[in-house]
Amino acid sequence: MKKTSKSIKVSLAKAGMSQRQLADKMGLSVRFITTLANRKTANLATVERIAAVFGLKVSEFIAIGEE
């Protein structure tokens, strides 16, 4: 999924959440979240999980990265 890095960064800022908090909510390492936040793409399953943490549909989450 393109532009997931921007979607992650913007969503974290809007939620007032850190990468560590996101990692904890997802049961993943901070290192993995940092990697996602610094590269342009992620697979659909990961995007679905991240969007769910923020209470968003995948399409809404992706749209954030396209703004």
C-alpha atoms as a PDB file:
ATOM      1  CA  MET A   1       0.000   0.000   0.000  1.00  0.00           C
ATOM      2  CA  LYS A   2       1.502   3.283  -1.063  1.00  0.00           C
ATOM      3  CA  LYS A   3       2.153   6.182   1.280  1.00  0.00           C
ATOM      4  CA  THR A   4       1.553   4.238   4.468  1.00  0.00           C
ATOM      5  CA  SER A   5       4.468   6.008   6.123  1.00  0.00           C
ATOM      6  CA  LYS A   6       2.690   9.359   5.880  1.00  0.00           C
ATOM      7  CA  SER A   7      -0.593   7.797   7.010  1.00  0.00           C
ATOM      8  CA  ILE A   8       1.114   6.365  10.075  1.00  0.00           C
ATOM      9  CA  LYS A   9       2.859   9.605  10.989  1.00  0.00           C
ATOM     10  CA  VAL A  10      -0.257  11.758  10.550  1.00  0.00           C
ATOM     11  CA  SER A  11      -2.493   9.281  12.387  1.00  0.00           C
ATOM     12  CA  LEU A  12      -0.064   9.082  15.294  1.00  0.00           C
ATOM     13  CA  ALA A  13       0.051  12.865  15.541  1.00  0.00           C
ATOM     14  CA  LYS A  14      -3.735  13.230  15.376  1.00  0.00           C
ATOM     15  CA  ALA A  15      -4.186  10.574  18.069  1.00  0.00           C
ATOM     16  CA  GLY A  16      -1.401  11.988  20.240  1.00  0.00           C
ATOM     17  CA  MET A  17       0.128   8.524  20.208  1.00  0.00           C
ATOM     18  CA  SER A  18       3.773   7.465  20.061  1.00  0.00           C
ATOM     19  CA  GLN A  19       5.238   4.727  17.912  1.00  0.00           C
ATOM     20  CA  ARG A  20       5.775   2.750  21.123  1.00  0.00           C
ATOM     21  CA  GLN A  21       2.085   3.014  22.019  1.00  0.00           C
ATOM     22  CA  LEU A  22       1.086   1.868  18.533  1.00  0.00           C
ATOM     23  CA  ALA A  23       3.505  -1.039  18.763  1.00  0.00           C
ATOM     24  CA  ASP A  24       2.077  -2.041  22.147  1.00  0.00           C
ATOM     25  CA  LYS A  25      -1.509  -1.893  20.864  1.00  0.00           C
ATOM     26  CA  MET A  26      -0.562  -4.053  17.887  1.00  0.00           C
ATOM     27  CA  GLY A  27       1.658  -6.471  19.798  1.00  0.00           C
ATOM     28  CA  LEU A  28       4.616  -5.589  17.592  1.00  0.00           C
ATOM     29  CA  SER A  29       8.090  -4.247  18.221  1.00  0.00           C
ATOM     30  CA  VAL A  30       8.812  -0.531  18.157  1.00  0.00           C
ATOM     31  CA  ARG A  31      11.518  -1.303  15.624  1.00  0.00           C
ATOM     32  CA  PHE A  32       8.925  -2.754  13.227  1.00  0.00           C
ATOM     33  CA  ILE A  33       6.648   0.288  13.604  1.00  0.00           C
ATOM     34  CA  THR A  34       9.618   2.613  13.066  1.00  0.00           C
ATOM     35  CA  THR A  35      10.507   0.706   9.910  1.00  0.00           C
ATOM     36  CA  LEU A  36       6.925   1.044   8.637  1.00  0.00           C
ATOM     37  CA  ALA A  37       6.898   4.757   9.448  1.00  0.00           C
ATOM     38  CA  ASN A  38      10.090   5.284   7.459  1.00  0.00           C
ATOM     39  CA  ARG A  39       9.311   3.347   4.301  1.00  0.00           C
ATOM     40  CA  LYS A  40       6.647   4.057   1.738  1.00  0.00           C
ATOM     41  CA  THR A  41       4.699   0.789   1.711  1.00  0.00           C
ATOM     42  CA  ALA A  42       3.275  -1.990   3.873  1.00  0.00           C
ATOM     43  CA  ASN A  43       1.248  -5.076   3.058  1.00  0.00           C
ATOM     44  CA  LEU A  44      -2.540  -5.004   3.227  1.00  0.00           C
ATOM     45  CA  ALA A  45      -2.792  -7.123   6.382  1.00  0.00           C
ATOM     46  CA  THR A  46      -0.536  -4.716   8.262  1.00  0.00           C
ATOM     47  CA  VAL A  47      -2.405  -1.674   6.963  1.00  0.00           C
ATOM     48  CA  GLU A  48      -5.698  -3.232   8.078  1.00  0.00           C
ATOM     49  CA  ARG A  49      -4.337  -3.754  11.584  1.00  0.00           C
ATOM     50  CA  ILE A  50      -2.947  -0.229  11.841  1.00  0.00           C
ATOM     51  CA  ALA A  51      -6.175   1.321  10.539  1.00  0.00           C
ATOM     52  CA  ALA A  52      -8.157  -0.661  13.116  1.00  0.00           C
ATOM     53  CA  VAL A  53      -6.038   0.744  15.961  1.00  0.00           C
ATOM     54  CA  PHE A  54      -7.028   4.242  14.853  1.00  0.00           C
ATOM     55  CA  GLY A  55     -10.669   3.241  14.338  1.00  0.00           C
ATOM     56  CA  LEU A  56     -10.437   3.837  10.599  1.00  0.00           C
ATOM     57  CA  LYS A  57     -11.383   1.913   7.477  1.00  0.00           C
ATOM     58  CA  VAL A  58      -8.423   1.039   5.277  1.00  0.00           C
ATOM     59  CA  SER A  59      -9.614   3.521   2.653  1.00  0.00           C
ATOM     60  CA  GLU A  60      -9.750   6.304   5.263  1.00  0.00           C
ATOM     61  CA  PHE A  61      -6.278   5.422   6.529  1.00  0.00           C
ATOM     62  CA  ILE A  62      -4.837   5.401   2.994  1.00  0.00           C
ATOM     63  CA  ALA A  63      -6.515   8.735   2.192  1.00  0.00           C
ATOM     64  CA  ILE A  64      -4.637  10.354   5.077  1.00  0.00           C
ATOM     65  CA  GLY A  65      -1.368   9.548   3.295  1.00  0.00           C
ATOM     66  CA  GLU A  66      -2.606  11.098   0.085  1.00  0.00           C
ATOM     67  CA  GLU A  67      -3.517  14.496   1.570  1.00  0.00           C
END
